Amino acid sequence: MVNLSEQIQNIKKQASADNLGMILVHNGVVRATSANGDKISKISIDYDDSELKTVINEFEKLKSVEKVWVWINRGMLRVGDDVMYVIVAGNKREELFPIFIDFVNRIKAIVKKEEILRR
């Protein structure tokens, strides 16, 4: 299991105090319904490691961002299971919130998922 507190502490240790004003955390969870309202029982998750690294590298170069960290749960997941954790640490909330939303959306775009409908 992933220890988010440990990850946050690592980021704080590695970060520049001049550019660390907040740490945002996202925990994506398997829902019981798909985006179009169909009932699902589980989903299969996979992603390309190199695509993920590319996105991480791109966002870590932004001046408002101090550090990003991502964990994605691969395999067959059931309703309520964690899909992913995302941490974005950086400067000011006015700058970081839009970056955070964009970062999560970019990661979601590279994750391949197949929903298994309930019968």
Protein backbone atom coordinates (compact mmCIF):
# COMPACT_ATOMS: atom_id res chain seq x y z
CA MET A 1 0.00 0.00 0.00
CA VAL A 2 1.14 3.53 -0.76
CA ASN A 3 1.95 5.75 2.21
CA LEU A 4 0.90 9.28 1.26
CA SER A 5 2.25 10.83 4.46
CA GLU A 6 5.66 9.39 3.66
CA GLN A 7 5.53 10.74 0.10
CA ILE A 8 4.56 14.20 1.35
CA GLN A 9 7.41 14.18 3.88
CA ASN A 10 9.86 13.18 1.12
CA ILE A 11 8.67 16.06 -1.04
CA LYS A 12 9.08 18.51 1.84
CA LYS A 13 12.64 17.29 2.43
CA GLN A 14 13.57 17.63 -1.26
CA ALA A 15 11.76 20.90 -1.96
CA SER A 16 13.11 24.40 -2.04
CA ALA A 17 11.54 26.32 0.85
CA ASP A 18 11.33 29.37 -1.44
CA ASN A 19 8.98 27.57 -3.86
CA LEU A 20 6.89 25.39 -1.53
CA GLY A 21 3.68 26.98 -0.33
CA MET A 22 1.23 24.12 -0.70
CA ILE A 23 0.86 20.43 -1.50
CA LEU A 24 -2.22 19.20 -3.34
CA VAL A 25 -3.32 15.55 -3.27
CA HIS A 26 -5.76 13.69 -5.53
CA ASN A 27 -7.07 10.18 -4.80
CA GLY A 28 -9.01 8.71 -7.73
CA VAL A 29 -11.38 5.89 -6.76
CA VAL A 30 -13.37 3.37 -8.85
CA ARG A 31 -16.99 4.54 -9.00
CA ALA A 32 -20.00 2.24 -9.21
CA THR A 33 -21.24 4.03 -12.32
CA SER A 34 -19.51 5.00 -15.54
CA ALA A 35 -19.46 8.54 -16.94
CA ASN A 36 -22.62 7.75 -18.93
CA GLY A 37 -24.44 6.24 -15.92
CA ASP A 38 -23.98 2.50 -16.58
CA LYS A 39 -23.49 0.35 -13.49
CA ILE A 40 -20.04 -1.20 -13.34
CA SER A 41 -18.57 -3.84 -11.08
CA LYS A 42 -14.88 -3.46 -11.91
CA ILE A 43 -12.41 -1.89 -14.31
CA SER A 44 -9.13 -2.91 -15.85
CA ILE A 45 -6.41 -0.24 -15.62
CA ASP A 46 -3.11 0.06 -17.49
CA TYR A 47 -0.83 2.84 -18.73
CA ASP A 48 2.41 3.43 -20.61
CA ASP A 49 5.32 4.15 -18.23
CA SER A 50 7.15 6.33 -20.76
CA GLU A 51 4.06 8.47 -21.39
CA LEU A 52 3.65 8.98 -17.66
CA LYS A 53 7.32 9.98 -17.27
CA THR A 54 6.94 12.46 -20.14
CA VAL A 55 3.94 14.13 -18.47
CA ILE A 56 5.69 14.22 -15.07
CA ASN A 57 8.83 15.77 -16.60
CA GLU A 58 6.79 18.38 -18.44
CA PHE A 59 4.98 19.53 -15.29
CA GLU A 60 8.05 19.48 -13.06
CA LYS A 61 9.64 22.07 -15.38
CA LEU A 62 6.92 24.64 -14.63
CA LYS A 63 8.24 27.43 -12.40
CA SER A 64 5.26 27.26 -9.99
CA VAL A 65 5.75 23.52 -9.47
CA GLU A 66 8.32 22.20 -7.04
CA LYS A 67 7.60 18.47 -7.30
CA VAL A 68 5.00 16.06 -8.67
CA TRP A 69 4.46 12.42 -7.77
CA VAL A 70 2.07 9.84 -9.24
CA TRP A 71 1.06 6.29 -8.37
CA ILE A 72 -1.39 4.40 -10.61
CA ASN A 73 -2.92 1.08 -9.65
CA ARG A 74 -2.60 -1.41 -12.52
CA GLY A 75 -4.81 -4.42 -13.04
CA MET A 76 -8.39 -5.38 -12.31
CA LEU A 77 -9.97 -3.03 -9.77
CA ARG A 78 -13.31 -3.21 -8.01
CA VAL A 79 -15.67 -0.41 -6.97
CA GLY A 80 -14.07 1.55 -4.13
CA ASP A 81 -10.47 0.60 -5.00
CA ASP A 82 -7.88 3.34 -5.43
CA VAL A 83 -7.13 4.08 -9.08
CA MET A 84 -4.40 6.65 -8.52
CA TYR A 85 -2.75 9.10 -6.18
CA VAL A 86 -1.37 12.38 -7.49
CA ILE A 87 0.64 14.93 -5.53
CA VAL A 88 1.59 18.35 -6.84
CA ALA A 89 3.70 20.59 -4.62
CA GLY A 90 4.56 24.15 -5.40
CA ASN A 91 4.15 27.84 -5.07
CA LYS A 92 0.91 29.80 -4.68
CA ARG A 93 -2.60 28.38 -4.84
CA GLU A 94 -3.66 30.83 -7.59
CA GLU A 95 -0.98 29.33 -9.81
CA LEU A 96 -1.02 25.75 -8.55
CA PHE A 97 -4.73 24.86 -8.65
CA PRO A 98 -5.08 25.24 -12.45
CA ILE A 99 -1.82 23.32 -12.93
CA PHE A 100 -3.09 20.56 -10.62
CA ILE A 101 -6.32 20.18 -12.58
CA ASP A 102 -4.44 20.09 -15.89
CA PHE A 103 -1.94 17.57 -14.52
CA VAL A 104 -4.65 15.17 -13.26
CA ASN A 105 -6.49 15.48 -16.59
CA ARG A 106 -3.32 14.75 -18.56
CA ILE A 107 -2.63 11.66 -16.46
CA LYS A 108 -6.21 10.44 -16.85
CA ALA A 109 -5.82 10.85 -20.63
CA ILE A 110 -2.93 8.34 -20.75
CA VAL A 111 -4.58 5.76 -18.47
CA LYS A 112 -6.25 2.99 -20.43
CA LYS A 113 -9.33 1.62 -18.72
CA GLU A 114 -11.93 -0.94 -19.62
CA GLU A 115 -15.14 -0.89 -17.61
CA ILE A 116 -16.81 -4.19 -16.84
CA LEU A 117 -20.57 -3.69 -16.71
CA ARG A 118 -22.77 -5.35 -14.12
CA ARG A 119 -25.12 -7.90 -15.44
